[in-house]
Amino acid sequence: MDKRSITLDGHRTSIALETAFWDGLEEIAGVHGVSVPTLIAAIDRERGAHNLASAIRVAVLEHYRGPKPAA
């Protein structure tokens, strides 16, 4: 588990994620041409009532799964 501190909406927060998820966030941010904190802020805005670390894990998983096939 790797714990990092970032600033979201002017507030410092710590996020603990497995190294593989941090690596995934860095790769996704690079693909989109944004910083990791900017990517996390976007995930934070869309997460609703879910825990931020959980929302990040789901976002990384969904990115690597790709688009869902049509039903």
N, C-alpha and C. Protein backbone atom coordinates (compact mmCIF):
# COMPACT_ATOMS: atom_id res chain seq x y z
N MET A 1 0.86 -1.17 0.00
CA MET A 1 0.00 0.00 0.00
C MET A 1 0.90 1.23 0.00
N ASP A 2 0.58 2.15 -0.87
CA ASP A 2 1.36 3.37 -1.02
C ASP A 2 0.44 4.55 -0.72
N LYS A 3 0.80 5.37 0.25
CA LYS A 3 -0.03 6.50 0.66
C LYS A 3 0.61 7.79 0.14
N ARG A 4 -0.21 8.59 -0.56
CA ARG A 4 0.28 9.87 -1.09
C ARG A 4 -0.69 10.98 -0.70
N SER A 5 -0.16 12.18 -0.60
CA SER A 5 -0.98 13.35 -0.29
C SER A 5 -1.13 14.20 -1.53
N ILE A 6 -2.36 14.67 -1.78
CA ILE A 6 -2.62 15.58 -2.88
C ILE A 6 -3.57 16.66 -2.39
N THR A 7 -3.70 17.72 -3.18
CA THR A 7 -4.64 18.79 -2.85
C THR A 7 -5.83 18.69 -3.79
N LEU A 8 -7.03 18.58 -3.20
CA LEU A 8 -8.29 18.55 -3.95
C LEU A 8 -9.14 19.72 -3.48
N ASP A 9 -9.52 20.57 -4.41
CA ASP A 9 -10.36 21.73 -4.08
C ASP A 9 -9.78 22.53 -2.91
N GLY A 10 -8.46 22.69 -2.90
CA GLY A 10 -7.81 23.49 -1.88
C GLY A 10 -7.56 22.80 -0.55
N HIS A 11 -7.91 21.52 -0.45
CA HIS A 11 -7.72 20.78 0.79
C HIS A 11 -6.76 19.62 0.56
N ARG A 12 -5.82 19.46 1.50
CA ARG A 12 -4.89 18.33 1.42
C ARG A 12 -5.60 17.07 1.87
N THR A 13 -5.40 16.00 1.14
CA THR A 13 -5.97 14.71 1.52
C THR A 13 -4.95 13.63 1.22
N SER A 14 -4.99 12.57 1.97
CA SER A 14 -4.10 11.43 1.75
C SER A 14 -4.91 10.29 1.15
N ILE A 15 -4.31 9.64 0.17
CA ILE A 15 -4.97 8.51 -0.50
C ILE A 15 -4.02 7.32 -0.44
N ALA A 16 -4.53 6.21 0.05
CA ALA A 16 -3.74 4.98 0.13
C ALA A 16 -4.24 4.02 -0.95
N LEU A 17 -3.36 3.67 -1.88
CA LEU A 17 -3.67 2.74 -2.97
C LEU A 17 -2.50 1.78 -3.15
N GLU A 18 -2.80 0.64 -3.72
CA GLU A 18 -1.76 -0.29 -4.09
C GLU A 18 -0.92 0.34 -5.22
N THR A 19 0.34 -0.02 -5.28
CA THR A 19 1.26 0.55 -6.27
C THR A 19 0.73 0.38 -7.69
N ALA A 20 0.11 -0.74 -8.00
CA ALA A 20 -0.42 -0.98 -9.34
C ALA A 20 -1.46 0.07 -9.72
N PHE A 21 -2.27 0.53 -8.76
CA PHE A 21 -3.27 1.56 -9.06
C PHE A 21 -2.61 2.92 -9.26
N TRP A 22 -1.58 3.24 -8.49
CA TRP A 22 -0.86 4.49 -8.73
C TRP A 22 -0.22 4.46 -10.11
N ASP A 23 0.37 3.32 -10.48
CA ASP A 23 0.97 3.18 -11.80
C ASP A 23 -0.08 3.37 -12.89
N GLY A 24 -1.26 2.77 -12.69
CA GLY A 24 -2.35 2.92 -13.65
C GLY A 24 -2.79 4.37 -13.78
N LEU A 25 -2.91 5.07 -12.64
CA LEU A 25 -3.29 6.48 -12.67
C LEU A 25 -2.27 7.31 -13.45
N GLU A 26 -1.00 7.04 -13.24
CA GLU A 26 0.05 7.78 -13.95
C GLU A 26 -0.04 7.53 -15.45
N GLU A 27 -0.29 6.29 -15.84
CA GLU A 27 -0.41 5.95 -17.26
C GLU A 27 -1.64 6.62 -17.88
N ILE A 28 -2.78 6.55 -17.20
CA ILE A 28 -4.01 7.14 -17.70
C ILE A 28 -3.85 8.66 -17.81
N ALA A 29 -3.27 9.28 -16.80
CA ALA A 29 -3.05 10.73 -16.83
C ALA A 29 -2.17 11.10 -18.04
N GLY A 30 -1.15 10.31 -18.28
CA GLY A 30 -0.27 10.56 -19.43
C GLY A 30 -1.00 10.45 -20.76
N VAL A 31 -1.87 9.46 -20.88
CA VAL A 31 -2.66 9.28 -22.10
C VAL A 31 -3.53 10.50 -22.36
N HIS A 32 -4.09 11.06 -21.29
CA HIS A 32 -5.00 12.20 -21.41
C HIS A 32 -4.29 13.55 -21.33
N GLY A 33 -2.98 13.53 -21.09
CA GLY A 33 -2.22 14.76 -21.04
C GLY A 33 -2.53 15.64 -19.85
N VAL A 34 -2.85 15.00 -18.71
CA VAL A 34 -3.14 15.74 -17.48
C VAL A 34 -2.26 15.20 -16.36
N SER A 35 -2.22 15.92 -15.26
CA SER A 35 -1.46 15.44 -14.10
C SER A 35 -2.31 14.42 -13.33
N VAL A 36 -1.65 13.64 -12.49
CA VAL A 36 -2.38 12.68 -11.65
C VAL A 36 -3.35 13.41 -10.72
N PRO A 37 -2.96 14.51 -10.06
CA PRO A 37 -3.94 15.22 -9.23
C PRO A 37 -5.15 15.72 -10.02
N THR A 38 -4.95 16.16 -11.26
CA THR A 38 -6.07 16.60 -12.09
C THR A 38 -6.99 15.43 -12.40
N LEU A 39 -6.42 14.28 -12.71
CA LEU A 39 -7.22 13.09 -12.97
C LEU A 39 -8.00 12.67 -11.73
N ILE A 40 -7.34 12.69 -10.58
CA ILE A 40 -8.02 12.32 -9.33
C ILE A 40 -9.15 13.31 -9.03
N ALA A 41 -8.93 14.60 -9.29
CA ALA A 41 -9.98 15.60 -9.07
C ALA A 41 -11.20 15.30 -9.94
N ALA A 42 -10.98 14.86 -11.18
CA ALA A 42 -12.09 14.51 -12.07
C ALA A 42 -12.85 13.30 -11.52
N ILE A 43 -12.12 12.30 -11.04
CA ILE A 43 -12.74 11.12 -10.45
C ILE A 43 -13.52 11.54 -9.20
N ASP A 44 -12.94 12.42 -8.41
CA ASP A 44 -13.58 12.89 -7.18
C ASP A 44 -14.92 13.58 -7.48
N ARG A 45 -14.96 14.39 -8.53
CA ARG A 45 -16.20 15.10 -8.89
C ARG A 45 -17.32 14.15 -9.30
N GLU A 46 -16.96 12.99 -9.85
CA GLU A 46 -17.95 12.06 -10.37
C GLU A 46 -18.28 10.89 -9.45
N ARG A 47 -17.65 10.81 -8.30
CA ARG A 47 -17.76 9.61 -7.47
C ARG A 47 -19.03 9.50 -6.65
N GLY A 48 -19.75 10.57 -6.49
CA GLY A 48 -20.96 10.51 -5.67
C GLY A 48 -20.59 10.25 -4.23
N ALA A 49 -21.29 9.31 -3.59
CA ALA A 49 -21.07 9.01 -2.17
C ALA A 49 -20.01 7.95 -1.93
N HIS A 50 -19.37 7.46 -2.99
CA HIS A 50 -18.38 6.40 -2.84
C HIS A 50 -17.08 6.93 -2.24
N ASN A 51 -16.38 6.08 -1.54
CA ASN A 51 -15.06 6.37 -1.00
C ASN A 51 -14.12 6.73 -2.15
N LEU A 52 -13.28 7.74 -1.98
CA LEU A 52 -12.40 8.20 -3.06
C LEU A 52 -11.45 7.10 -3.52
N ALA A 53 -10.81 6.40 -2.61
CA ALA A 53 -9.87 5.34 -3.00
C ALA A 53 -10.60 4.26 -3.81
N SER A 54 -11.79 3.91 -3.39
CA SER A 54 -12.57 2.91 -4.13
C SER A 54 -12.94 3.43 -5.51
N ALA A 55 -13.35 4.69 -5.60
CA ALA A 55 -13.71 5.29 -6.88
C ALA A 55 -12.51 5.31 -7.83
N ILE A 56 -11.32 5.56 -7.30
CA ILE A 56 -10.11 5.55 -8.12
C ILE A 56 -9.85 4.14 -8.64
N ARG A 57 -9.96 3.15 -7.77
CA ARG A 57 -9.74 1.76 -8.21
C ARG A 57 -10.70 1.38 -9.33
N VAL A 58 -11.97 1.75 -9.17
CA VAL A 58 -12.98 1.43 -10.19
C VAL A 58 -12.65 2.17 -11.49
N ALA A 59 -12.27 3.43 -11.42
CA ALA A 59 -11.94 4.19 -12.62
C ALA A 59 -10.76 3.57 -13.37
N VAL A 60 -9.74 3.14 -12.64
CA VAL A 60 -8.59 2.50 -13.27
C VAL A 60 -9.01 1.18 -13.91
N LEU A 61 -9.78 0.39 -13.18
CA LEU A 61 -10.27 -0.89 -13.71
C LEU A 61 -11.09 -0.67 -14.98
N GLU A 62 -12.01 0.30 -14.95
CA GLU A 62 -12.84 0.56 -16.13
C GLU A 62 -12.00 1.02 -17.32
N HIS A 63 -10.96 1.80 -17.05
CA HIS A 63 -10.08 2.24 -18.14
C HIS A 63 -9.44 1.05 -18.84
N TYR A 64 -8.93 0.12 -18.05
CA TYR A 64 -8.22 -1.01 -18.65
C TYR A 64 -9.16 -2.07 -19.21
N ARG A 65 -10.39 -2.11 -18.75
CA ARG A 65 -11.37 -3.02 -19.31
C ARG A 65 -11.82 -2.56 -20.69
N GLY A 66 -11.78 -1.26 -20.91
CA GLY A 66 -12.23 -0.71 -22.19
C GLY A 66 -13.73 -0.54 -22.21
N PRO A 67 -14.25 -0.14 -23.36
CA PRO A 67 -15.71 0.09 -23.46
C PRO A 67 -16.49 -1.19 -23.26
N LYS A 68 -17.66 -1.05 -22.66
CA LYS A 68 -18.52 -2.21 -22.45
C LYS A 68 -19.21 -2.56 -23.77
N PRO A 69 -19.31 -3.85 -24.06
CA PRO A 69 -20.01 -4.24 -25.31
C PRO A 69 -21.50 -3.92 -25.20
N ALA A 70 -22.12 -3.64 -26.34
CA ALA A 70 -23.56 -3.37 -26.36
C ALA A 70 -24.32 -4.64 -26.01
N ALA A 71 -25.40 -4.47 -25.29
CA ALA A 71 -26.20 -5.64 -24.87
C ALA A 71 -27.08 -6.14 -25.98
